[in-house]
C-alpha atoms as a PDB file:
ATOM      1  CA  UNK A   1     138.194 -51.788 -93.542  1.00  0.00           C
ATOM      2  CA  UNK A   2     136.413 -54.644 -95.209  1.00  0.00           C
ATOM      3  CA  UNK A   3     132.615 -54.182 -95.394  1.00  0.00           C
ATOM      4  CA  UNK A   4     132.206 -57.737 -94.082  1.00  0.00           C
ATOM      5  CA  UNK A   5     133.964 -56.758 -90.856  1.00  0.00           C
ATOM      6  CA  UNK A   6     131.734 -53.710 -90.494  1.00  0.00           C
ATOM      7  CA  UNK A   7     128.505 -55.666 -91.010  1.00  0.00           C
ATOM      8  CA  UNK A   8     129.620 -58.306 -88.486  1.00  0.00           C
ATOM      9  CA  UNK A   9     130.536 -55.664 -85.908  1.00  0.00           C
ATOM     10  CA  UNK A  10     127.221 -53.906 -86.501  1.00  0.00           C
ATOM     11  CA  UNK A  11     125.230 -57.092 -85.960  1.00  0.00           C
ATOM     12  CA  UNK A  12     127.223 -57.920 -82.823  1.00  0.00           C
ATOM     13  CA  UNK A  13     126.730 -54.405 -81.424  1.00  0.00           C
ATOM     14  CA  UNK A  14     123.006 -54.667 -82.133  1.00  0.00           C
ATOM     15  CA  UNK A  15     122.818 -58.046 -80.403  1.00  0.00           C
ATOM     16  CA  UNK A  16     124.609 -56.628 -77.348  1.00  0.00           C
ATOM     17  CA  UNK A  17     122.274 -53.631 -77.236  1.00  0.00           C
ATOM     18  CA  UNK A  18     119.129 -55.717 -76.730  1.00  0.00           C
ATOM     19  CA  UNK A  19     119.969 -57.110 -73.250  1.00  0.00           C
ATOM     20  CA  UNK A  20     121.331 -53.733 -72.201  1.00  0.00           C
ATOM     21  CA  UNK A  21     118.125 -52.045 -73.320  1.00  0.00           C
ATOM     22  CA  UNK A  22     115.938 -54.564 -71.495  1.00  0.00           C
ATOM     23  CA  UNK A  23     118.028 -54.250 -68.346  1.00  0.00           C
ATOM     24  CA  UNK A  24     117.807 -50.470 -68.398  1.00  0.00           C
ATOM     25  CA  UNK A  25     114.048 -50.466 -68.794  1.00  0.00           C
ATOM     26  CA  UNK A  26     113.511 -53.117 -66.113  1.00  0.00           C
ATOM     27  CA  UNK A  27     115.556 -51.096 -63.602  1.00  0.00           C
ATOM     28  CA  UNK A  28     114.018 -47.742 -64.623  1.00  0.00           C
ATOM     29  CA  UNK A  29     117.379 -46.336 -65.745  1.00  0.00           C
ATOM     30  CA  UNK A  30     118.078 -44.313 -68.885  1.00  0.00           C
ATOM     31  CA  UNK A  31     119.366 -46.657 -71.615  1.00  0.00           C
ATOM     32  CA  UNK A  32     122.619 -44.804 -72.313  1.00  0.00           C
ATOM     33  CA  UNK A  33     124.839 -47.786 -73.077  1.00  0.00           C
ATOM     34  CA  UNK A  34     122.157 -49.383 -75.218  1.00  0.00           C
ATOM     35  CA  UNK A  35     121.717 -46.199 -77.230  1.00  0.00           C
ATOM     36  CA  UNK A  36     125.472 -45.916 -77.807  1.00  0.00           C
ATOM     37  CA  UNK A  37     125.552 -49.515 -79.037  1.00  0.00           C
ATOM     38  CA  UNK A  38     122.541 -48.935 -81.301  1.00  0.00           C
ATOM     39  CA  UNK A  39     124.150 -45.844 -82.841  1.00  0.00           C
ATOM     40  CA  UNK A  40     127.435 -47.720 -83.383  1.00  0.00           C
ATOM     41  CA  UNK A  41     125.567 -50.666 -84.893  1.00  0.00           C
ATOM     42  CA  UNK A  42     123.561 -48.436 -87.194  1.00  0.00           C
ATOM     43  CA  UNK A  43     126.658 -46.596 -88.355  1.00  0.00           C
ATOM     44  CA  UNK A  44     128.619 -49.788 -89.003  1.00  0.00           C
ATOM     45  CA  UNK A  45     125.745 -51.445 -90.856  1.00  0.00           C
ATOM     46  CA  UNK A  46     125.066 -48.320 -92.915  1.00  0.00           C
ATOM     47  CA  UNK A  47     128.757 -47.990 -93.816  1.00  0.00           C
ATOM     48  CA  UNK A  48     128.988 -51.658 -94.814  1.00  0.00           C
ATOM     49  CA  UNK A  49     125.871 -51.494 -96.994  1.00  0.00           C
ATOM     50  CA  UNK A  50     127.014 -48.350 -98.785  1.00  0.00           C
ATOM     51  CA  UNK A  51     130.607 -49.542 -99.351  1.00  0.00           C
ATOM     52  CA  UNK A  52     129.730 -52.936-100.807  1.00  0.00           C
ATOM     53  CA  UNK A  53     128.479 -52.850-104.381  1.00  0.00           C
ATOM     54  CA  UNK A  54     124.907 -54.113-104.329  1.00  0.00           C
ATOM     55  CA  UNK A  55     124.708 -54.026-100.538  1.00  0.00           C
ATOM     56  CA  UNK A  56     123.836 -57.061 -98.434  1.00  0.00           C
ATOM     57  CA  UNK A  57     120.839 -59.345 -98.336  1.00  0.00           C
ATOM     58  CA  UNK A  58     119.829 -61.315 -95.263  1.00  0.00           C
ATOM     59  CA  UNK A  59     121.129 -64.476 -96.929  1.00  0.00           C
ATOM     60  CA  UNK A  60     124.633 -63.001 -97.268  1.00  0.00           C
ATOM     61  CA  UNK A  61     125.132 -62.026 -93.630  1.00  0.00           C
ATOM     62  CA  UNK A  62     125.995 -65.556 -92.381  1.00  0.00           C
ATOM     63  CA  UNK A  63     128.575 -65.761 -95.167  1.00  0.00           C
ATOM     64  CA  UNK A  64     130.072 -62.493 -93.942  1.00  0.00           C
ATOM     65  CA  UNK A  65     130.353 -63.993 -90.438  1.00  0.00           C
ATOM     66  CA  UNK A  66     132.131 -67.046 -91.853  1.00  0.00           C
ATOM     67  CA  UNK A  67     134.460 -64.818 -93.871  1.00  0.00           C
ATOM     68  CA  UNK A  68     135.382 -62.700 -90.845  1.00  0.00           C
ATOM     69  CA  UNK A  69     135.900 -65.705 -88.560  1.00  0.00           C
ATOM     70  CA  UNK A  70     138.079 -67.262 -91.257  1.00  0.00           C
ATOM     71  CA  UNK A  71     140.162 -64.076 -91.435  1.00  0.00           C
ATOM     72  CA  UNK A  72     140.596 -64.050 -87.655  1.00  0.00           C
ATOM     73  CA  UNK A  73     141.556 -67.722 -87.420  1.00  0.00           C
ATOM     74  CA  UNK A  74     143.839 -67.749 -90.419  1.00  0.00           C
END
């Protein structure tokens, strides 16, 4: 798996966890789905950072999104 794909999936999982977490807390439910998404996001981001030489900076993440979208479209 390409580290760019992993970092993009991790960021997407993290973005999906935020509304789930807020919904769980507002309805006084345990945030199970949010915690699963956070663990998946953390694992994907950690894997991507360790597999890419030099890791990622915040400036490189939009480029990773463009790269992954380009791979999907092409």
